[in-house]
């Protein structure tokens, strides 16, 4: 039986214009492409690190 993972919902609230290339790439890796976009991803240590890197551009909600 597979263990169910917790999920988090991300919403991009600010534009990535003017920020570094790796921060823009991190947003893309999280599935966010434009302001107002939302993505629901599994909560893991790797994704939490990505969220921490671009935390000033997104909002996070636990699902």
C-alpha atoms as a PDB file:
ATOM      1  CA  UNK A   1       0.000   0.000   0.000  1.00  0.00           C
ATOM      2  CA  UNK A   2       1.456   3.367  -1.053  1.00  0.00           C
ATOM      3  CA  UNK A   3       1.856   6.048   1.544  1.00  0.00           C
ATOM      4  CA  UNK A   4      -0.151   9.134   0.600  1.00  0.00           C
ATOM      5  CA  UNK A   5       1.884  12.308   0.322  1.00  0.00           C
ATOM      6  CA  UNK A   6       0.707  15.650   1.608  1.00  0.00           C
ATOM      7  CA  UNK A   7       0.226  18.276  -1.063  1.00  0.00           C
ATOM      8  CA  UNK A   8       0.769  21.995  -1.155  1.00  0.00           C
ATOM      9  CA  UNK A   9      -0.913  24.539  -3.426  1.00  0.00           C
ATOM     10  CA  UNK A  10       1.276  27.296  -4.819  1.00  0.00           C
ATOM     11  CA  UNK A  11       0.144  30.555  -6.373  1.00  0.00           C
ATOM     12  CA  UNK A  12       2.475  32.972  -8.130  1.00  0.00           C
ATOM     13  CA  UNK A  13       1.740  36.451  -6.783  1.00  0.00           C
ATOM     14  CA  UNK A  14       4.621  38.478  -8.227  1.00  0.00           C
ATOM     15  CA  UNK A  15       6.354  38.632 -11.574  1.00  0.00           C
ATOM     16  CA  UNK A  16       9.791  37.054 -11.998  1.00  0.00           C
ATOM     17  CA  UNK A  17      11.006  39.981 -14.128  1.00  0.00           C
ATOM     18  CA  UNK A  18      14.111  41.471 -12.566  1.00  0.00           C
ATOM     19  CA  UNK A  19      15.015  38.371 -10.596  1.00  0.00           C
ATOM     20  CA  UNK A  20      17.813  35.938 -11.328  1.00  0.00           C
ATOM     21  CA  UNK A  21      17.667  33.274 -14.012  1.00  0.00           C
ATOM     22  CA  UNK A  22      17.782  30.447 -11.472  1.00  0.00           C
ATOM     23  CA  UNK A  23      14.775  31.883  -9.606  1.00  0.00           C
ATOM     24  CA  UNK A  24      12.819  32.024 -12.865  1.00  0.00           C
ATOM     25  CA  UNK A  25      13.863  28.429 -13.581  1.00  0.00           C
ATOM     26  CA  UNK A  26      12.731  27.386 -10.096  1.00  0.00           C
ATOM     27  CA  UNK A  27       9.284  28.866 -10.755  1.00  0.00           C
ATOM     28  CA  UNK A  28       9.110  26.888 -13.992  1.00  0.00           C
ATOM     29  CA  UNK A  29      10.176  23.737 -12.147  1.00  0.00           C
ATOM     30  CA  UNK A  30       7.323  24.256  -9.701  1.00  0.00           C
ATOM     31  CA  UNK A  31       4.891  24.524 -12.606  1.00  0.00           C
ATOM     32  CA  UNK A  32       4.308  28.270 -12.400  1.00  0.00           C
ATOM     33  CA  UNK A  33       4.531  30.325 -15.576  1.00  0.00           C
ATOM     34  CA  UNK A  34       2.720  33.623 -14.973  1.00  0.00           C
ATOM     35  CA  UNK A  35       1.269  35.773 -12.205  1.00  0.00           C
ATOM     36  CA  UNK A  36      -1.946  34.233 -10.886  1.00  0.00           C
ATOM     37  CA  UNK A  37      -0.993  30.700 -11.946  1.00  0.00           C
ATOM     38  CA  UNK A  38      -1.546  27.912  -9.416  1.00  0.00           C
ATOM     39  CA  UNK A  39       0.036  24.502  -9.062  1.00  0.00           C
ATOM     40  CA  UNK A  40      -0.579  21.621  -6.675  1.00  0.00           C
ATOM     41  CA  UNK A  41       2.546  19.597  -5.909  1.00  0.00           C
ATOM     42  CA  UNK A  42       3.617  16.935  -3.441  1.00  0.00           C
ATOM     43  CA  UNK A  43       5.217  18.178  -0.255  1.00  0.00           C
ATOM     44  CA  UNK A  44       8.798  16.941   0.022  1.00  0.00           C
ATOM     45  CA  UNK A  45      12.142  18.268   1.168  1.00  0.00           C
ATOM     46  CA  UNK A  46      13.162  19.042  -2.410  1.00  0.00           C
ATOM     47  CA  UNK A  47      10.030  21.016  -3.197  1.00  0.00           C
ATOM     48  CA  UNK A  48      10.218  22.843   0.143  1.00  0.00           C
ATOM     49  CA  UNK A  49      13.723  23.981  -0.783  1.00  0.00           C
ATOM     50  CA  UNK A  50      12.428  25.276  -4.111  1.00  0.00           C
ATOM     51  CA  UNK A  51       9.565  27.050  -2.360  1.00  0.00           C
ATOM     52  CA  UNK A  52      12.002  28.666   0.066  1.00  0.00           C
ATOM     53  CA  UNK A  53      14.095  29.954  -2.829  1.00  0.00           C
ATOM     54  CA  UNK A  54      11.191  31.801  -4.469  1.00  0.00           C
ATOM     55  CA  UNK A  55       9.075  32.415  -1.382  1.00  0.00           C
ATOM     56  CA  UNK A  56       8.977  36.153  -2.069  1.00  0.00           C
ATOM     57  CA  UNK A  57       7.182  35.503  -5.391  1.00  0.00           C
ATOM     58  CA  UNK A  58       4.562  32.934  -4.321  1.00  0.00           C
ATOM     59  CA  UNK A  59       2.032  32.078  -1.649  1.00  0.00           C
ATOM     60  CA  UNK A  60       1.782  28.575  -0.169  1.00  0.00           C
ATOM     61  CA  UNK A  61      -1.301  26.772   1.120  1.00  0.00           C
ATOM     62  CA  UNK A  62      -1.366  23.251   2.543  1.00  0.00           C
ATOM     63  CA  UNK A  63      -4.028  21.004   1.042  1.00  0.00           C
END
